[in-house]
Amino acid sequence: MKKFVSLSFFSLLMLVSFAQSEKYVKAMEKLVPSIDTLWNADQLKDLSNSFERIADAEKTQWLPYYYAALARVNAGYAIMMTGATGADKTDPEGNKAQELITKAEALSQNNSEIFIVKKLIATLMMIGDPMNRYMTYGPAAGEALETAKKLNPENPRVYLQEGADKINTPEQYGGNKEEGKKLIEEAMKKFESFKPESAIHPNWGRGQAQYYLSK
């Protein structure tokens, strides 16, 4: 009888866990596609908040914190695209993204995707005040991208970021549009063979690569 009760209790726990997992995946599936299509700062902040709520509810999943950080740093870049510049405009997004990606990394260490976001954050912080921050955030961005590549040389987002940097950086500071184009083309090749672990794992960036090649 005692053994039966124990088995029944264990089965109930498994059922509850499965239900929670299924609910989590469905919630994520509704939000994840937007990470690759939204470029409005306010909408990206709302998206980040939605991911953060899921992350705080789940507590043990790195992906919602990761996406919350990515959406928040993208909001910073979206603010810049409107013509607004300066650390006072973009630092709040970079700081919040850093807080979120730190939580993601605590749950998943040595993760190439997380280092991609860390690179994006460092670059955003540098652009906020390039004259005073280049020596700090420039190397930090480069190291994060190098680590991402070491952890997963097949990650297409590594080559996307390398190519974007080459294209967007003035030649006197190391930029080279031809080299950038080759890196973006390499990213596209990697996208063709890249297989995300699941429908909610990172798979963004193909559209950005296509945009660069169209230019």
Protein backbone atom coordinates (compact mmCIF):
# COMPACT_ATOMS: atom_id res chain seq x y z
CA MET A 1 0.00 0.00 0.00
CA LYS A 2 2.82 2.38 0.97
CA LYS A 3 4.62 1.59 -2.29
CA PHE A 4 1.42 2.23 -4.27
CA VAL A 5 0.91 5.62 -2.60
CA SER A 6 4.54 6.58 -3.32
CA LEU A 7 4.20 5.62 -6.97
CA SER A 8 0.93 7.51 -7.27
CA PHE A 9 2.50 10.61 -5.72
CA PHE A 10 5.49 10.36 -8.06
CA SER A 11 3.18 10.01 -11.07
CA LEU A 12 1.23 13.07 -9.96
CA LEU A 13 4.44 15.09 -9.68
CA MET A 14 5.48 13.99 -13.16
CA LEU A 15 2.07 14.95 -14.55
CA VAL A 16 2.19 18.41 -12.95
CA SER A 17 5.76 18.91 -14.19
CA PHE A 18 4.76 17.92 -17.73
CA ALA A 19 1.79 20.29 -17.66
CA GLN A 20 4.00 23.15 -16.47
CA SER A 21 6.58 22.35 -19.15
CA GLU A 22 3.95 22.22 -21.87
CA LYS A 23 2.52 25.55 -20.73
CA TYR A 24 6.00 27.07 -20.69
CA VAL A 25 6.82 25.89 -24.20
CA LYS A 26 3.52 27.17 -25.61
CA ALA A 27 4.04 30.57 -23.97
CA MET A 28 7.55 30.77 -25.43
CA GLU A 29 6.44 29.64 -28.88
CA LYS A 30 4.07 32.61 -29.08
CA LEU A 31 6.83 35.11 -28.30
CA VAL A 32 10.04 33.77 -29.83
CA PRO A 33 9.26 34.59 -33.51
CA SER A 34 8.92 38.27 -32.62
CA ILE A 35 12.57 38.47 -31.61
CA ASP A 36 13.49 38.35 -35.31
CA THR A 37 10.84 40.74 -36.61
CA LEU A 38 10.35 43.61 -34.15
CA TRP A 39 12.43 46.77 -34.47
CA ASN A 40 10.32 49.20 -32.49
CA ALA A 41 11.85 50.16 -29.14
CA ASP A 42 8.63 50.22 -27.14
CA GLN A 43 7.42 46.92 -28.58
CA LEU A 44 10.80 45.34 -27.86
CA LYS A 45 10.65 46.52 -24.25
CA ASP A 46 7.19 44.98 -23.92
CA LEU A 47 8.51 41.76 -25.45
CA SER A 48 11.42 41.76 -23.01
CA ASN A 49 9.03 42.22 -20.09
CA SER A 50 6.93 39.28 -21.29
CA PHE A 51 9.97 37.02 -21.46
CA GLU A 52 11.12 38.18 -18.04
CA ARG A 53 7.75 37.32 -16.50
CA ILE A 54 8.05 33.79 -17.89
CA ALA A 55 11.63 33.54 -16.63
CA ASP A 56 10.69 34.67 -13.12
CA ALA A 57 7.84 32.16 -13.05
CA GLU A 58 9.94 29.25 -14.28
CA LYS A 59 13.14 30.15 -12.38
CA THR A 60 15.24 27.32 -13.87
CA GLN A 61 15.00 28.09 -17.61
CA TRP A 62 17.76 30.16 -19.23
CA LEU A 63 15.98 30.82 -22.52
CA PRO A 64 13.40 33.38 -21.32
CA TYR A 65 16.10 35.43 -19.55
CA TYR A 66 18.22 35.18 -22.70
CA TYR A 67 15.40 36.42 -24.94
CA ALA A 68 14.47 39.12 -22.43
CA ALA A 69 18.07 40.39 -22.59
CA LEU A 70 18.19 40.16 -26.39
CA ALA A 71 14.92 42.07 -26.79
CA ARG A 72 16.11 44.74 -24.36
CA VAL A 73 19.48 45.29 -26.09
CA ASN A 74 17.69 45.38 -29.44
CA ALA A 75 15.48 48.11 -27.99
CA GLY A 76 18.65 50.10 -27.38
CA TYR A 77 19.68 49.72 -31.03
CA ALA A 78 16.14 50.59 -32.14
CA ILE A 79 16.36 53.83 -30.14
CA MET A 80 19.57 54.68 -31.99
CA MET A 81 17.89 53.97 -35.33
CA THR A 82 15.39 56.75 -34.61
CA GLY A 83 18.29 59.21 -34.49
CA ALA A 84 18.48 59.42 -30.71
CA THR A 85 22.09 59.09 -29.57
CA GLY A 86 23.99 59.32 -26.31
CA ALA A 87 24.52 57.16 -23.27
CA ASP A 88 21.54 58.67 -21.48
CA LYS A 89 19.26 57.26 -24.21
CA THR A 90 20.75 53.77 -24.57
CA ASP A 91 22.42 52.94 -21.24
CA PRO A 92 19.14 52.06 -19.48
CA GLU A 93 18.51 49.36 -22.11
CA GLY A 94 22.09 48.10 -21.98
CA ASN A 95 22.11 47.96 -18.18
CA LYS A 96 18.80 46.10 -18.04
CA ALA A 97 19.98 43.68 -20.73
CA GLN A 98 23.15 43.01 -18.73
CA GLU A 99 21.10 42.24 -15.62
CA LEU A 100 18.99 39.76 -17.58
CA ILE A 101 21.83 38.02 -19.42
CA THR A 102 23.65 37.57 -16.10
CA LYS A 103 20.63 35.63 -14.86
CA ALA A 104 20.60 33.54 -18.04
CA GLU A 105 24.30 32.74 -17.69
CA ALA A 106 23.81 31.63 -14.09
CA LEU A 107 21.50 28.93 -15.47
CA SER A 108 23.55 28.02 -18.56
CA GLN A 109 27.30 28.58 -18.52
CA ASN A 110 29.69 28.32 -21.47
CA ASN A 111 26.84 29.04 -23.85
CA SER A 112 27.70 30.49 -27.27
CA GLU A 113 24.32 32.18 -27.64
CA ILE A 114 24.67 34.00 -24.33
CA PHE A 115 28.06 35.37 -25.36
CA ILE A 116 26.52 36.71 -28.57
CA VAL A 117 24.14 38.80 -26.47
CA LYS A 118 27.00 39.89 -24.19
CA LYS A 119 28.79 41.11 -27.31
CA LEU A 120 25.72 43.07 -28.42
CA ILE A 121 25.43 44.67 -24.99
CA ALA A 122 29.10 45.68 -24.89
CA THR A 123 28.82 47.22 -28.37
CA LEU A 124 25.68 49.16 -27.39
CA MET A 125 27.38 50.51 -24.27
CA MET A 126 30.44 51.52 -26.30
CA ILE A 127 28.41 53.36 -28.95
CA GLY A 128 26.68 55.33 -26.19
CA ASP A 129 29.94 57.20 -25.55
CA PRO A 130 32.58 55.89 -27.99
CA MET A 131 35.32 58.42 -27.20
CA ASN A 132 35.37 57.51 -23.51
CA ARG A 133 34.29 53.88 -23.67
CA TYR A 134 36.06 52.35 -26.63
CA MET A 135 39.03 51.07 -24.61
CA THR A 136 36.69 49.34 -22.15
CA TYR A 137 33.75 48.07 -24.16
CA GLY A 138 35.53 47.53 -27.49
CA PRO A 139 37.75 44.73 -26.14
CA ALA A 140 34.86 43.35 -24.09
CA ALA A 141 32.73 43.05 -27.24
CA GLY A 142 35.57 41.38 -29.14
CA GLU A 143 36.30 38.91 -26.34
CA ALA A 144 32.63 37.97 -26.00
CA LEU A 145 32.37 37.28 -29.74
CA GLU A 146 35.61 35.30 -29.74
CA THR A 147 34.33 33.19 -26.84
CA ALA A 148 31.02 32.60 -28.64
CA LYS A 149 32.97 31.32 -31.65
CA LYS A 150 35.17 29.03 -29.57
CA LEU A 151 32.15 27.55 -27.82
CA ASN A 152 30.34 26.87 -31.10
CA PRO A 153 32.20 27.52 -34.38
CA GLU A 154 29.03 26.50 -36.28
CA ASN A 155 26.90 29.25 -34.73
CA PRO A 156 25.80 31.44 -37.68
CA ARG A 157 25.17 34.43 -35.42
CA VAL A 158 28.91 34.62 -34.71
CA TYR A 159 29.67 35.27 -38.39
CA LEU A 160 26.70 37.60 -38.69
CA GLN A 161 28.11 39.78 -35.91
CA GLU A 162 31.65 39.63 -37.30
CA GLY A 163 30.39 40.66 -40.72
CA ALA A 164 28.17 43.43 -39.36
CA ASP A 165 31.12 44.86 -37.43
CA LYS A 166 33.31 44.90 -40.54
CA ILE A 167 30.59 46.55 -42.60
CA ASN A 168 29.57 49.17 -40.02
CA THR A 169 33.06 50.14 -38.83
CA PRO A 170 34.87 52.92 -40.76
CA GLU A 171 37.90 51.67 -42.69
CA GLN A 172 40.33 53.80 -40.67
CA TYR A 173 39.25 51.83 -37.60
CA GLY A 174 39.48 48.38 -39.16
CA GLY A 175 36.28 48.17 -41.15
CA ASN A 176 36.18 46.48 -44.54
CA LYS A 177 32.96 46.01 -46.48
CA GLU A 178 34.34 43.24 -48.73
CA GLU A 179 35.53 41.22 -45.74
CA GLY A 180 32.20 41.94 -44.07
CA LYS A 181 30.31 40.62 -47.09
CA LYS A 182 32.33 37.39 -47.05
CA LEU A 183 31.56 36.90 -43.36
CA ILE A 184 27.85 37.49 -43.94
CA GLU A 185 27.93 34.96 -46.78
CA GLU A 186 29.59 32.51 -44.39
CA ALA A 187 26.80 33.22 -41.90
CA MET A 188 24.21 32.36 -44.56
CA LYS A 189 25.97 29.04 -45.22
CA LYS A 190 25.93 28.31 -41.49
CA PHE A 191 22.22 29.15 -41.32
CA GLU A 192 21.51 26.55 -44.00
CA SER A 193 22.97 23.76 -41.87
CA PHE A 194 22.17 25.11 -38.40
CA LYS A 195 19.62 23.08 -36.45
CA PRO A 196 18.24 24.67 -33.25
CA GLU A 197 17.71 22.30 -30.34
CA SER A 198 13.98 23.02 -30.33
CA ALA A 199 11.39 25.42 -31.69
CA ILE A 200 12.15 27.87 -28.88
CA HIS A 201 15.96 27.76 -29.04
CA PRO A 202 17.83 30.61 -30.79
CA ASN A 203 17.40 30.65 -34.55
CA TRP A 204 17.33 34.39 -35.26
CA GLY A 205 19.54 36.41 -37.59
CA ARG A 206 18.89 35.03 -41.08
CA GLY A 207 16.81 38.08 -42.01
CA GLN A 208 19.57 40.43 -40.84
CA ALA A 209 22.13 38.56 -42.93
CA GLN A 210 19.89 38.80 -45.99
CA TYR A 211 19.46 42.52 -45.38
CA TYR A 212 23.22 43.09 -45.34
CA LEU A 213 23.72 41.10 -48.53
CA SER A 214 20.94 43.05 -50.26
CA LYS A 215 22.91 46.25 -49.61
